[in-house]
């Protein structure tokens, strides 16, 4: 009797396919995909520790320095119908709110978010802040005397600094958020006048906050407006710069203090592992690690140990605007700086 081998072969191939599918499914179940806007030098060690402790494979995609934050935000929006990421670790908040408005995020109330001050988290758990940075003035100590150094961003309009100040491209990253915060705090007219004054003072627009630091260190510019992590990177290497938290005096507005923000992506491939990673990033140990790193990040939670050069969050004067107010001014501020500085 002849045996028809076709059904047997089909059954065998089907079984192999199912086994491969199960193996692939198991492999994917043991991974998490995260997009990261925070500097890779500081974020990668944290993610590797999570990977080692949990056995969950972390697949990370890092943003570029020149399009900080904006590049990954646009990618997440483009992938809305077929998300590839489970988690987004942003280095600020205003563009996180863009993702919330676009319907990209899934609410997740991490148990580790309870001690985060309300101003640094979404009331409906769409995002939570951790490890803040601040905008600072830096100056070359070989070219600027301490008593003459600016202590307010208003001082940057002084004609004696004409052509000697630089700032990162205000269309991107923390510089863009800082500009939007000025529009929110002062109103459009005063903010536009301030930026016009900076242009009249021949302020230099450079590629990134890191480049601001490097150009001030080299003496090509005397003064720069940058972030605490970029400034500290030079300070720990004993470069000839000093750092000033601007506008901290009585009657002054304060500086922009902005946390990292972490969020769960709606319909991501590994949501449960995404939640585990979010819980880890919101732990006190991560805030402590970031504060002791070159990133010099400011813990948001009470009682987190940090080095002396990192200020207490409660003692640092912050511009009194909400993250939503900053978000609401992003479009008008970006449109203005595009016309003023970039065209």
Foldseek 3Di string as FASTA:
>chain_A
DDDDCVVVVVVVVVVVVVVVVVVVLVLLLQEFEEEELPDCVQVVVLVVVVCVVRVRHYHYHYDDQQARPPVVLVVLLVCQVPDAHFKYWHAFPLSVVVCVVSVFFDADDFPLQPQFDPLQADPRRQKGFWFKKWKWKKFQCVVDPPVRDDQALLCLLDLVQQQQEEEEQLLHDPNVLQLLLCCLQVNDPVSLVSVVSNVVSVYHYDRHLLVRCVCRLVRVHGMYIHMQLSVLLCVVVVGRMDIHFHQLDPPGQFTAMGGTMMGTTPPHPHNVVSSVVVNSCSDLVVNQSCCADSRNTAGRGPPRDHDPVRDHPVSGRHRPDGSVSSSVRSVVSSVSCCVVPPD
